[in-house]
Amino acid sequence: MPVEATSAGAILFRDTRDRREYLLLKSRPGDWEFPKGGVEGEEELQQTAIREVQEEAGIAEFRLIDGFREEYNYVFEAGGNTIHKTVHLFIAHSFEASAELSNEHRDLQWRDYEQALNTITQDGPRDILREAHDYLDALDADENYLLGQQSG
């Protein structure tokens, strides 16, 4: 029987020069991914995601976007065990322009949507980035629609 493990993290974005950029971290094995990590103790998934953004990206000023949570699964071997990991991803809006590399990763980069899609190495997070991007586009459209209504 595989060992069940749960992680949570966030698709972190910033707004720069009229475009949205996403933070990608390069793991030690060489995968490009989002800030994420294992749930500790009695943490809620959102609490884990918030802590991991702070620890892995060095960003304090951000907020989770309501209403979005997706998950993906993968299996790997570690210490003679088969681990079945479920990763829950939220969306977080960074109010800081720069991130800080932690010792858990080899590199970090802010990428626009197309670059991010091409950089992410796993299908699960890539699919969720697509959903997150569409979700944020819809939110932006809603806000613009409301702004348009008020000016009339």
N, C-alpha and C. Protein backbone atom coordinates (compact mmCIF):
# COMPACT_ATOMS: atom_id res chain seq x y z
N MET A 1 0.85 -1.21 0.00
CA MET A 1 0.00 0.00 0.00
C MET A 1 0.88 1.25 0.00
N PRO A 2 0.56 2.18 -0.89
CA PRO A 2 1.36 3.41 -0.87
C PRO A 2 1.06 4.25 0.37
N VAL A 3 2.03 5.01 0.79
CA VAL A 3 1.87 5.96 1.88
C VAL A 3 1.22 7.21 1.32
N GLU A 4 0.16 7.70 2.00
CA GLU A 4 -0.53 8.91 1.52
C GLU A 4 0.16 10.15 2.09
N ALA A 5 0.40 11.13 1.24
CA ALA A 5 1.00 12.39 1.68
C ALA A 5 0.22 13.54 1.07
N THR A 6 0.09 14.62 1.82
CA THR A 6 -0.66 15.78 1.35
C THR A 6 0.21 17.02 1.40
N SER A 7 0.22 17.76 0.29
CA SER A 7 0.93 19.04 0.22
C SER A 7 -0.06 20.12 -0.20
N ALA A 8 0.33 21.36 0.07
CA ALA A 8 -0.47 22.49 -0.40
C ALA A 8 0.48 23.60 -0.80
N GLY A 9 0.02 24.41 -1.74
CA GLY A 9 0.86 25.50 -2.21
C GLY A 9 0.01 26.49 -2.98
N ALA A 10 0.69 27.38 -3.67
CA ALA A 10 -0.03 28.44 -4.37
C ALA A 10 0.63 28.78 -5.69
N ILE A 11 -0.23 29.06 -6.65
CA ILE A 11 0.19 29.66 -7.91
C ILE A 11 0.27 31.14 -7.61
N LEU A 12 1.49 31.63 -7.47
CA LEU A 12 1.70 33.01 -7.04
C LEU A 12 1.91 33.89 -8.27
N PHE A 13 1.16 35.00 -8.33
CA PHE A 13 1.33 35.89 -9.47
C PHE A 13 1.53 37.32 -9.01
N ARG A 14 2.12 38.10 -9.89
CA ARG A 14 2.26 39.55 -9.68
C ARG A 14 1.82 40.24 -10.96
N ASP A 15 1.43 41.48 -10.85
CA ASP A 15 1.05 42.26 -12.03
C ASP A 15 2.18 43.21 -12.38
N THR A 16 2.69 43.09 -13.61
CA THR A 16 3.75 44.00 -14.04
C THR A 16 3.45 44.47 -15.46
N ARG A 17 3.63 45.75 -15.68
CA ARG A 17 3.51 46.31 -17.04
C ARG A 17 2.34 45.69 -17.82
N ASP A 18 1.18 45.75 -17.27
CA ASP A 18 -0.03 45.28 -17.97
C ASP A 18 -0.03 43.79 -18.27
N ARG A 19 0.79 43.04 -17.58
CA ARG A 19 0.67 41.59 -17.76
C ARG A 19 0.86 40.90 -16.41
N ARG A 20 0.40 39.68 -16.36
CA ARG A 20 0.48 38.89 -15.15
C ARG A 20 1.67 37.95 -15.27
N GLU A 21 2.45 37.85 -14.21
CA GLU A 21 3.58 36.93 -14.21
C GLU A 21 3.46 35.97 -13.04
N TYR A 22 3.88 34.74 -13.27
CA TYR A 22 3.76 33.68 -12.28
C TYR A 22 5.14 33.29 -11.77
N LEU A 23 5.22 32.99 -10.47
CA LEU A 23 6.49 32.58 -9.88
C LEU A 23 6.68 31.08 -10.01
N LEU A 24 7.82 30.69 -10.59
CA LEU A 24 8.18 29.28 -10.69
C LEU A 24 9.48 29.05 -9.92
N LEU A 25 9.53 27.93 -9.21
CA LEU A 25 10.72 27.55 -8.45
C LEU A 25 11.30 26.28 -9.05
N LYS A 26 12.62 26.23 -9.14
CA LYS A 26 13.27 25.02 -9.67
C LYS A 26 13.71 24.15 -8.50
N SER A 27 13.12 22.96 -8.42
CA SER A 27 13.42 22.05 -7.31
C SER A 27 14.81 21.45 -7.46
N ARG A 28 15.31 20.85 -6.40
CA ARG A 28 16.63 20.22 -6.46
C ARG A 28 16.72 19.15 -7.54
N PRO A 29 15.66 18.31 -7.71
CA PRO A 29 15.75 17.34 -8.83
C PRO A 29 15.65 17.99 -10.21
N GLY A 30 15.24 19.25 -10.26
CA GLY A 30 15.23 19.94 -11.55
C GLY A 30 13.86 20.22 -12.13
N ASP A 31 12.80 19.93 -11.38
CA ASP A 31 11.45 20.27 -11.86
C ASP A 31 11.14 21.73 -11.55
N TRP A 32 10.44 22.38 -12.48
CA TRP A 32 9.94 23.73 -12.22
C TRP A 32 8.53 23.59 -11.66
N GLU A 33 8.27 24.25 -10.54
CA GLU A 33 7.01 24.06 -9.84
C GLU A 33 6.60 25.34 -9.11
N PHE A 34 5.46 25.27 -8.43
CA PHE A 34 4.98 26.38 -7.62
C PHE A 34 5.41 26.16 -6.17
N PRO A 35 5.44 27.23 -5.37
CA PRO A 35 5.75 27.05 -3.94
C PRO A 35 4.73 26.09 -3.32
N LYS A 36 5.22 25.04 -2.68
CA LYS A 36 4.32 24.07 -2.07
C LYS A 36 5.10 23.24 -1.06
N GLY A 37 4.37 22.58 -0.17
CA GLY A 37 5.04 21.74 0.80
C GLY A 37 4.03 20.96 1.63
N GLY A 38 4.56 20.09 2.46
CA GLY A 38 3.72 19.20 3.24
C GLY A 38 2.94 19.91 4.33
N VAL A 39 1.73 19.40 4.56
CA VAL A 39 0.90 19.90 5.65
C VAL A 39 1.56 19.50 6.96
N GLU A 40 1.66 20.45 7.90
CA GLU A 40 2.27 20.17 9.20
C GLU A 40 1.21 20.17 10.29
N GLY A 41 1.20 19.11 11.10
CA GLY A 41 0.30 19.05 12.24
C GLY A 41 -1.16 19.20 11.86
N GLU A 42 -1.83 20.13 12.53
CA GLU A 42 -3.27 20.33 12.32
C GLU A 42 -3.57 21.45 11.32
N GLU A 43 -2.58 21.83 10.53
CA GLU A 43 -2.78 22.95 9.60
C GLU A 43 -3.93 22.69 8.64
N GLU A 44 -4.65 23.75 8.34
CA GLU A 44 -5.59 23.74 7.22
C GLU A 44 -4.76 23.86 5.94
N LEU A 45 -5.34 23.40 4.82
CA LEU A 45 -4.62 23.47 3.54
C LEU A 45 -4.20 24.91 3.22
N GLN A 46 -5.10 25.86 3.47
CA GLN A 46 -4.77 27.26 3.16
C GLN A 46 -3.60 27.75 4.01
N GLN A 47 -3.57 27.32 5.27
CA GLN A 47 -2.47 27.73 6.16
C GLN A 47 -1.14 27.19 5.64
N THR A 48 -1.17 25.95 5.17
CA THR A 48 0.05 25.35 4.60
C THR A 48 0.50 26.15 3.38
N ALA A 49 -0.44 26.47 2.49
CA ALA A 49 -0.11 27.22 1.28
C ALA A 49 0.52 28.57 1.63
N ILE A 50 -0.06 29.25 2.61
CA ILE A 50 0.45 30.57 3.03
C ILE A 50 1.87 30.43 3.59
N ARG A 51 2.08 29.45 4.45
CA ARG A 51 3.39 29.24 5.06
C ARG A 51 4.43 28.90 4.00
N GLU A 52 4.05 28.06 3.04
CA GLU A 52 5.01 27.66 2.01
C GLU A 52 5.40 28.83 1.10
N VAL A 53 4.45 29.71 0.78
CA VAL A 53 4.79 30.89 -0.01
C VAL A 53 5.80 31.74 0.75
N GLN A 54 5.55 31.91 2.05
CA GLN A 54 6.48 32.71 2.86
C GLN A 54 7.85 32.06 2.93
N GLU A 55 7.88 30.73 3.17
CA GLU A 55 9.16 30.04 3.33
C GLU A 55 9.91 29.88 2.02
N GLU A 56 9.21 29.48 0.98
CA GLU A 56 9.90 29.11 -0.27
C GLU A 56 10.10 30.29 -1.22
N ALA A 57 9.29 31.32 -1.09
CA ALA A 57 9.44 32.48 -1.99
C ALA A 57 9.90 33.73 -1.25
N GLY A 58 9.90 33.68 0.09
CA GLY A 58 10.34 34.83 0.87
C GLY A 58 9.42 36.03 0.72
N ILE A 59 8.15 35.77 0.42
CA ILE A 59 7.20 36.87 0.20
C ILE A 59 6.21 36.91 1.36
N ALA A 60 6.05 38.10 1.95
CA ALA A 60 5.14 38.26 3.08
C ALA A 60 3.84 38.95 2.65
N GLU A 61 3.95 39.85 1.67
CA GLU A 61 2.78 40.65 1.26
C GLU A 61 2.07 40.00 0.09
N PHE A 62 1.06 39.19 0.40
CA PHE A 62 0.29 38.54 -0.65
C PHE A 62 -1.05 38.15 -0.05
N ARG A 63 -2.00 37.83 -0.92
CA ARG A 63 -3.25 37.29 -0.39
C ARG A 63 -3.78 36.20 -1.30
N LEU A 64 -4.40 35.21 -0.67
CA LEU A 64 -5.02 34.14 -1.44
C LEU A 64 -6.27 34.68 -2.12
N ILE A 65 -6.51 34.24 -3.34
CA ILE A 65 -7.71 34.60 -4.09
C ILE A 65 -8.81 33.61 -3.71
N ASP A 66 -9.96 34.14 -3.31
CA ASP A 66 -11.06 33.27 -2.89
C ASP A 66 -11.60 32.41 -4.03
N GLY A 67 -12.07 31.24 -3.66
CA GLY A 67 -12.88 30.45 -4.57
C GLY A 67 -12.14 29.53 -5.52
N PHE A 68 -10.80 29.46 -5.40
CA PHE A 68 -10.06 28.58 -6.30
C PHE A 68 -9.23 27.59 -5.48
N ARG A 69 -9.43 26.31 -5.74
CA ARG A 69 -8.55 25.28 -5.20
C ARG A 69 -8.64 24.07 -6.11
N GLU A 70 -7.51 23.65 -6.65
CA GLU A 70 -7.46 22.48 -7.51
C GLU A 70 -6.38 21.55 -6.98
N GLU A 71 -6.44 20.29 -7.38
CA GLU A 71 -5.44 19.36 -6.89
C GLU A 71 -4.93 18.47 -8.01
N TYR A 72 -3.73 17.94 -7.82
CA TYR A 72 -3.19 16.92 -8.71
C TYR A 72 -2.47 15.88 -7.85
N ASN A 73 -2.23 14.73 -8.43
CA ASN A 73 -1.63 13.61 -7.70
C ASN A 73 -0.44 13.07 -8.46
N TYR A 74 0.51 12.53 -7.73
CA TYR A 74 1.58 11.77 -8.37
C TYR A 74 2.14 10.76 -7.38
N VAL A 75 2.86 9.80 -7.91
CA VAL A 75 3.43 8.73 -7.10
C VAL A 75 4.94 8.73 -7.29
N PHE A 76 5.66 8.54 -6.18
CA PHE A 76 7.11 8.46 -6.29
C PHE A 76 7.64 7.52 -5.20
N GLU A 77 8.90 7.13 -5.37
CA GLU A 77 9.54 6.23 -4.40
C GLU A 77 10.45 7.06 -3.49
N ALA A 78 10.40 6.75 -2.19
CA ALA A 78 11.29 7.42 -1.24
C ALA A 78 11.54 6.50 -0.06
N GLY A 79 12.79 6.27 0.23
CA GLY A 79 13.16 5.44 1.38
C GLY A 79 12.52 4.06 1.37
N GLY A 80 12.40 3.48 0.18
CA GLY A 80 11.83 2.15 0.08
C GLY A 80 10.31 2.11 0.12
N ASN A 81 9.69 3.28 0.24
CA ASN A 81 8.23 3.36 0.24
C ASN A 81 7.71 3.96 -1.06
N THR A 82 6.51 3.56 -1.43
CA THR A 82 5.81 4.22 -2.52
C THR A 82 4.94 5.31 -1.89
N ILE A 83 5.14 6.54 -2.31
CA ILE A 83 4.39 7.66 -1.76
C ILE A 83 3.37 8.13 -2.80
N HIS A 84 2.12 8.24 -2.39
CA HIS A 84 1.07 8.81 -3.24
C HIS A 84 0.78 10.19 -2.70
N LYS A 85 1.20 11.21 -3.46
CA LYS A 85 1.07 12.58 -2.96
C LYS A 85 -0.07 13.31 -3.66
N THR A 86 -0.87 14.01 -2.87
CA THR A 86 -1.91 14.89 -3.39
C THR A 86 -1.48 16.33 -3.08
N VAL A 87 -1.42 17.14 -4.12
CA VAL A 87 -1.02 18.54 -3.96
C VAL A 87 -2.23 19.44 -4.24
N HIS A 88 -2.56 20.29 -3.28
CA HIS A 88 -3.66 21.24 -3.42
C HIS A 88 -3.07 22.61 -3.74
N LEU A 89 -3.53 23.20 -4.83
CA LEU A 89 -3.00 24.51 -5.22
C LEU A 89 -4.08 25.59 -5.13
N PHE A 90 -3.72 26.69 -4.50
CA PHE A 90 -4.54 27.88 -4.44
C PHE A 90 -3.92 28.91 -5.39
N ILE A 91 -4.55 30.07 -5.50
CA ILE A 91 -3.95 31.19 -6.25
C ILE A 91 -3.64 32.27 -5.23
N ALA A 92 -2.45 32.87 -5.34
CA ALA A 92 -2.09 33.98 -4.45
C ALA A 92 -1.57 35.16 -5.27
N HIS A 93 -2.02 36.35 -4.88
CA HIS A 93 -1.60 37.58 -5.55
C HIS A 93 -0.50 38.21 -4.71
N SER A 94 0.71 38.30 -5.28
CA SER A 94 1.84 38.91 -4.57
C SER A 94 1.82 40.42 -4.75
N PHE A 95 2.00 41.13 -3.65
CA PHE A 95 2.12 42.59 -3.73
C PHE A 95 3.58 43.00 -3.68
N GLU A 96 4.48 42.02 -3.67
CA GLU A 96 5.91 42.29 -3.72
C GLU A 96 6.42 41.90 -5.10
N ALA A 97 7.32 42.70 -5.63
CA ALA A 97 7.79 42.48 -7.00
C ALA A 97 8.88 41.41 -7.07
N SER A 98 9.60 41.21 -5.96
CA SER A 98 10.71 40.25 -6.04
C SER A 98 10.53 39.14 -5.02
N ALA A 99 11.00 37.98 -5.40
CA ALA A 99 10.97 36.82 -4.51
C ALA A 99 12.40 36.50 -4.10
N GLU A 100 12.52 35.68 -3.07
CA GLU A 100 13.82 35.34 -2.52
C GLU A 100 13.99 33.83 -2.60
N LEU A 101 15.12 33.39 -3.10
CA LEU A 101 15.37 31.96 -3.25
C LEU A 101 15.66 31.33 -1.89
N SER A 102 14.95 30.25 -1.57
CA SER A 102 15.23 29.52 -0.33
C SER A 102 16.23 28.41 -0.65
N ASN A 103 16.74 27.78 0.41
CA ASN A 103 17.73 26.72 0.16
C ASN A 103 17.09 25.44 -0.35
N GLU A 104 15.75 25.42 -0.44
CA GLU A 104 15.06 24.24 -0.95
C GLU A 104 15.07 24.17 -2.47
N HIS A 105 15.39 25.30 -3.11
CA HIS A 105 15.32 25.35 -4.58
C HIS A 105 16.62 25.85 -5.18
N ARG A 106 16.79 25.55 -6.45
CA ARG A 106 18.01 25.95 -7.15
C ARG A 106 17.87 27.27 -7.88
N ASP A 107 16.63 27.63 -8.22
CA ASP A 107 16.44 28.84 -9.03
C ASP A 107 14.99 29.28 -8.89
N LEU A 108 14.74 30.54 -9.19
CA LEU A 108 13.36 31.02 -9.29
C LEU A 108 13.26 32.01 -10.42
N GLN A 109 12.09 32.04 -11.04
CA GLN A 109 11.85 32.97 -12.15
C GLN A 109 10.39 33.38 -12.17
N TRP A 110 10.17 34.64 -12.51
CA TRP A 110 8.82 35.12 -12.82
C TRP A 110 8.64 34.95 -14.32
N ARG A 111 7.55 34.31 -14.72
CA ARG A 111 7.29 34.04 -16.13
C ARG A 111 5.88 34.49 -16.49
N ASP A 112 5.73 35.01 -17.72
CA ASP A 112 4.37 35.29 -18.16
C ASP A 112 3.69 33.95 -18.45
N TYR A 113 2.41 34.02 -18.76
CA TYR A 113 1.61 32.79 -18.85
C TYR A 113 2.18 31.78 -19.84
N GLU A 114 2.47 32.24 -21.07
CA GLU A 114 2.97 31.32 -22.10
C GLU A 114 4.31 30.72 -21.69
N GLN A 115 5.19 31.56 -21.15
CA GLN A 115 6.51 31.07 -20.71
C GLN A 115 6.35 30.06 -19.58
N ALA A 116 5.43 30.36 -18.65
CA ALA A 116 5.22 29.47 -17.51
C ALA A 116 4.72 28.10 -17.98
N LEU A 117 3.77 28.12 -18.91
CA LEU A 117 3.25 26.85 -19.44
C LEU A 117 4.38 26.01 -20.04
N ASN A 118 5.29 26.68 -20.73
CA ASN A 118 6.39 25.99 -21.40
C ASN A 118 7.49 25.56 -20.44
N THR A 119 7.53 26.18 -19.25
CA THR A 119 8.61 25.92 -18.29
C THR A 119 8.25 24.81 -17.32
N ILE A 120 6.99 24.76 -16.89
CA ILE A 120 6.55 23.76 -15.91
C ILE A 120 6.78 22.36 -16.48
N THR A 121 7.33 21.49 -15.65
CA THR A 121 7.75 20.18 -16.16
C THR A 121 6.71 19.08 -15.97
N GLN A 122 5.71 19.30 -15.12
CA GLN A 122 4.71 18.25 -14.88
C GLN A 122 3.34 18.65 -15.42
N ASP A 123 2.61 17.65 -15.91
CA ASP A 123 1.27 17.91 -16.47
C ASP A 123 0.29 18.45 -15.44
N GLY A 124 0.31 17.89 -14.22
CA GLY A 124 -0.66 18.28 -13.20
C GLY A 124 -0.66 19.78 -12.94
N PRO A 125 0.50 20.32 -12.53
CA PRO A 125 0.55 21.76 -12.27
C PRO A 125 0.32 22.59 -13.53
N ARG A 126 0.72 22.07 -14.70
CA ARG A 126 0.51 22.83 -15.94
C ARG A 126 -0.99 22.99 -16.21
N ASP A 127 -1.73 21.89 -16.04
CA ASP A 127 -3.19 21.95 -16.24
C ASP A 127 -3.85 22.92 -15.27
N ILE A 128 -3.38 22.90 -14.02
CA ILE A 128 -3.98 23.78 -13.02
C ILE A 128 -3.62 25.24 -13.30
N LEU A 129 -2.42 25.49 -13.83
CA LEU A 129 -2.07 26.87 -14.21
C LEU A 129 -3.06 27.37 -15.27
N ARG A 130 -3.41 26.50 -16.24
CA ARG A 130 -4.38 26.91 -17.26
C ARG A 130 -5.70 27.33 -16.60
N GLU A 131 -6.17 26.52 -15.65
CA GLU A 131 -7.43 26.82 -14.97
C GLU A 131 -7.32 28.10 -14.15
N ALA A 132 -6.18 28.27 -13.46
CA ALA A 132 -5.97 29.45 -12.63
C ALA A 132 -5.94 30.72 -13.49
N HIS A 133 -5.27 30.63 -14.63
CA HIS A 133 -5.15 31.77 -15.53
C HIS A 133 -6.53 32.19 -16.04
N ASP A 134 -7.33 31.20 -16.44
CA ASP A 134 -8.70 31.49 -16.90
C ASP A 134 -9.55 32.07 -15.77
N TYR A 135 -9.36 31.55 -14.58
CA TYR A 135 -10.11 32.02 -13.41
C TYR A 135 -9.79 33.50 -13.15
N LEU A 136 -8.49 33.84 -13.21
CA LEU A 136 -8.08 35.23 -12.98
C LEU A 136 -8.56 36.15 -14.10
N ASP A 137 -8.51 35.65 -15.34
CA ASP A 137 -9.04 36.45 -16.47
C ASP A 137 -10.51 36.77 -16.25
N ALA A 138 -11.27 35.79 -15.79
CA ALA A 138 -12.71 35.99 -15.55
C ALA A 138 -12.92 37.00 -14.43
N LEU A 139 -12.11 36.92 -13.39
CA LEU A 139 -12.22 37.89 -12.29
C LEU A 139 -11.91 39.30 -12.79
N ASP A 140 -10.83 39.41 -13.58
CA ASP A 140 -10.46 40.73 -14.13
C ASP A 140 -11.59 41.28 -14.98
N ALA A 141 -12.19 40.44 -15.80
CA ALA A 141 -13.29 40.87 -16.68
C ALA A 141 -14.47 41.36 -15.83
N ASP A 142 -14.77 40.64 -14.76
CA ASP A 142 -15.85 41.04 -13.86
C ASP A 142 -15.59 42.41 -13.27
N GLU A 143 -14.37 42.61 -12.78
CA GLU A 143 -14.04 43.89 -12.15
C GLU A 143 -14.16 45.02 -13.17
N ASN A 144 -13.67 44.78 -14.38
CA ASN A 144 -13.75 45.81 -15.42
C ASN A 144 -15.20 46.11 -15.77
N TYR A 145 -16.00 45.06 -15.81
CA TYR A 145 -17.42 45.23 -16.10
C TYR A 145 -18.06 46.10 -15.03
N LEU A 146 -17.76 45.82 -13.78
CA LEU A 146 -18.34 46.60 -12.68
C LEU A 146 -17.84 48.05 -12.71
N LEU A 147 -16.57 48.24 -13.02
CA LEU A 147 -16.04 49.59 -13.12
C LEU A 147 -16.74 50.36 -14.23
N GLY A 148 -16.97 49.67 -15.34
CA GLY A 148 -17.67 50.29 -16.46
C GLY A 148 -19.08 50.71 -16.10
N GLN A 149 -19.74 49.88 -15.31
CA GLN A 149 -21.12 50.19 -14.90
C GLN A 149 -21.17 51.43 -14.04
N GLN A 150 -20.18 51.59 -13.15
CA GLN A 150 -20.22 52.69 -12.19
C GLN A 150 -20.00 54.04 -12.87
N SER A 151 -19.21 54.05 -13.94
CA SER A 151 -18.87 55.34 -14.54
C SER A 151 -20.05 55.93 -15.33
N GLY A 152 -21.03 55.08 -15.68
CA GLY A 152 -22.18 55.57 -16.43
C GLY A 152 -23.03 56.38 -15.54
